[in-house]
Every structure is written in structure tokens, then in C-alpha cells.
Protein backbone atom coordinates (compact mmCIF):
# COMPACT_ATOMS: atom_id res chain seq x y z
CA UNK A 1 0.00 0.00 0.00
CA UNK A 2 1.39 3.41 -0.98
CA UNK A 3 0.79 6.17 1.54
CA UNK A 4 0.58 9.61 -0.09
CA UNK A 5 2.93 12.30 1.13
CA UNK A 6 1.37 14.92 3.40
CA UNK A 7 1.72 18.50 2.17
CA UNK A 8 3.89 19.55 5.11
CA UNK A 9 6.02 16.37 5.13
CA UNK A 10 9.47 16.53 3.51
CA UNK A 11 11.00 13.57 1.70
CA UNK A 12 14.55 12.48 2.54
CA UNK A 13 15.76 14.10 -0.71
CA UNK A 14 14.19 17.45 0.20
CA UNK A 15 16.10 17.33 3.51
CA UNK A 16 19.40 16.62 1.75
CA UNK A 17 21.93 19.36 0.94
CA UNK A 18 21.90 18.37 -2.76
CA UNK A 19 19.80 19.69 -5.63
CA UNK A 20 19.51 19.07 -9.38
CA UNK A 21 22.52 20.61 -11.12
CA UNK A 22 25.03 19.97 -8.31
CA UNK A 23 28.32 18.26 -9.15
CA UNK A 24 28.88 15.34 -6.77
CA UNK A 25 31.42 12.59 -6.07
CA UNK A 26 30.49 8.94 -5.52
CA UNK A 27 31.84 5.39 -5.86
CA UNK A 28 30.88 2.55 -8.20
CA UNK A 29 32.67 -0.80 -7.84
CA UNK A 30 35.29 0.82 -5.57
CA UNK A 31 36.13 3.42 -8.26
CA UNK A 32 35.69 7.16 -7.66
CA UNK A 33 33.57 9.19 -10.07
CA UNK A 34 32.12 12.67 -10.32
CA UNK A 35 28.89 13.55 -12.04
CA UNK A 36 25.97 15.95 -12.17
CA UNK A 37 22.61 15.41 -10.49
CA UNK A 38 19.96 15.21 -13.20
CA UNK A 39 16.81 14.17 -11.30
CA UNK A 40 15.65 13.81 -7.69
CA UNK A 41 13.78 10.81 -6.31
CA UNK A 42 12.36 10.11 -2.82
CA UNK A 43 15.75 9.35 -1.17
CA UNK A 44 18.21 9.28 -4.07
CA UNK A 45 19.34 11.09 -7.21
CA UNK A 46 19.87 10.19 -10.88
CA UNK A 47 23.45 11.15 -11.72
CA UNK A 48 24.97 11.53 -15.16
CA UNK A 49 28.71 10.78 -15.32
CA UNK A 50 31.48 9.80 -17.73
CA UNK A 51 33.87 6.86 -17.55
CA UNK A 52 36.63 5.46 -19.72
CA UNK A 53 36.10 1.94 -18.32
CA UNK A 54 34.20 -0.15 -20.95
CA UNK A 55 32.70 -2.41 -18.24
CA UNK A 56 31.28 0.59 -16.34
CA UNK A 57 29.94 2.14 -19.58
CA UNK A 58 28.31 -1.14 -20.62
CA UNK A 59 26.71 -1.65 -17.21
CA UNK A 60 25.62 1.90 -16.34
CA UNK A 61 25.38 3.76 -19.70
CA UNK A 62 26.79 6.91 -18.03
CA UNK A 63 23.87 7.19 -15.58
CA UNK A 64 23.28 5.78 -12.12
CA UNK A 65 20.97 6.22 -9.13
CA UNK A 66 22.72 6.81 -5.80
CA UNK A 67 21.28 7.39 -2.31
CA UNK A 68 22.00 10.99 -1.30
CA UNK A 69 23.80 9.80 1.85
CA UNK A 70 26.50 8.23 -0.36
CA UNK A 71 27.25 11.47 -2.23
CA UNK A 72 29.84 14.16 -1.54
CA UNK A 73 29.44 17.72 -2.80
CA UNK A 74 32.06 18.79 -5.36
CA UNK A 75 30.46 21.98 -6.66
CA UNK A 76 27.07 23.43 -5.85
CA UNK A 77 24.91 24.25 -8.85
CA UNK A 78 23.10 27.58 -9.26
CA UNK A 79 20.27 28.05 -6.79
CA UNK A 80 17.18 30.05 -7.76
CA UNK A 81 16.18 32.75 -5.31
CA UNK A 82 13.42 31.74 -2.95
CA UNK A 83 10.16 33.71 -3.13
CA UNK A 84 10.66 35.17 0.36
CA UNK A 85 14.14 36.51 -0.49
CA UNK A 86 13.02 38.10 -3.75
CA UNK A 87 10.04 39.76 -2.01
CA UNK A 88 12.39 41.32 0.55
CA UNK A 89 14.69 42.57 -2.22
CA UNK A 90 11.79 44.45 -3.85
CA UNK A 91 11.24 46.60 -0.75
């Protein structure tokens, strides 16, 4: 049975410090990679990355899903201004 999310309830991904567009570091098969977050899920992210290892390319096709707790921030992507901040700037 799927329980719908309450309007005031945050998912694990919404609580994470990562957002779409961030560059992150992670490991696959004990190898270190960096990639860019392309999509957010409930507790993980879809990450696009590049590899020169033919086995990794064949298995993952330059995309993987990783739990946000297994990611490390490399470079934060651009963040849009929140509505509250932009309203204060207009004053």
C-alpha cells in the first residue's frame, strides 16, 4: 500500500543538501567518479557521469541512481532565489 505524502512532510531528498545541477562525487565498484545530479527521487538522485572503463559504460550507460547519503558535494549548482528573499529585495 502506498501512503501519499502529506503536504507539510518533507521527503529524505528534500532534507538533503543536494539539488539538481550539483556536481557530486560517488563510488561505483570501488572506483571514484564525479557527475551531475539530473533528477531527484524520494531518497536518491539520478546522476549523469562519464567513464573510460568499458565495463562501467556497458553496465551503467553513463547514468546511475545513488542514495544521497552516499554522495559528496564537489560543486554546488546555481540556486534560484526563494520567493521570500526576492520579495524582501523588492522593498
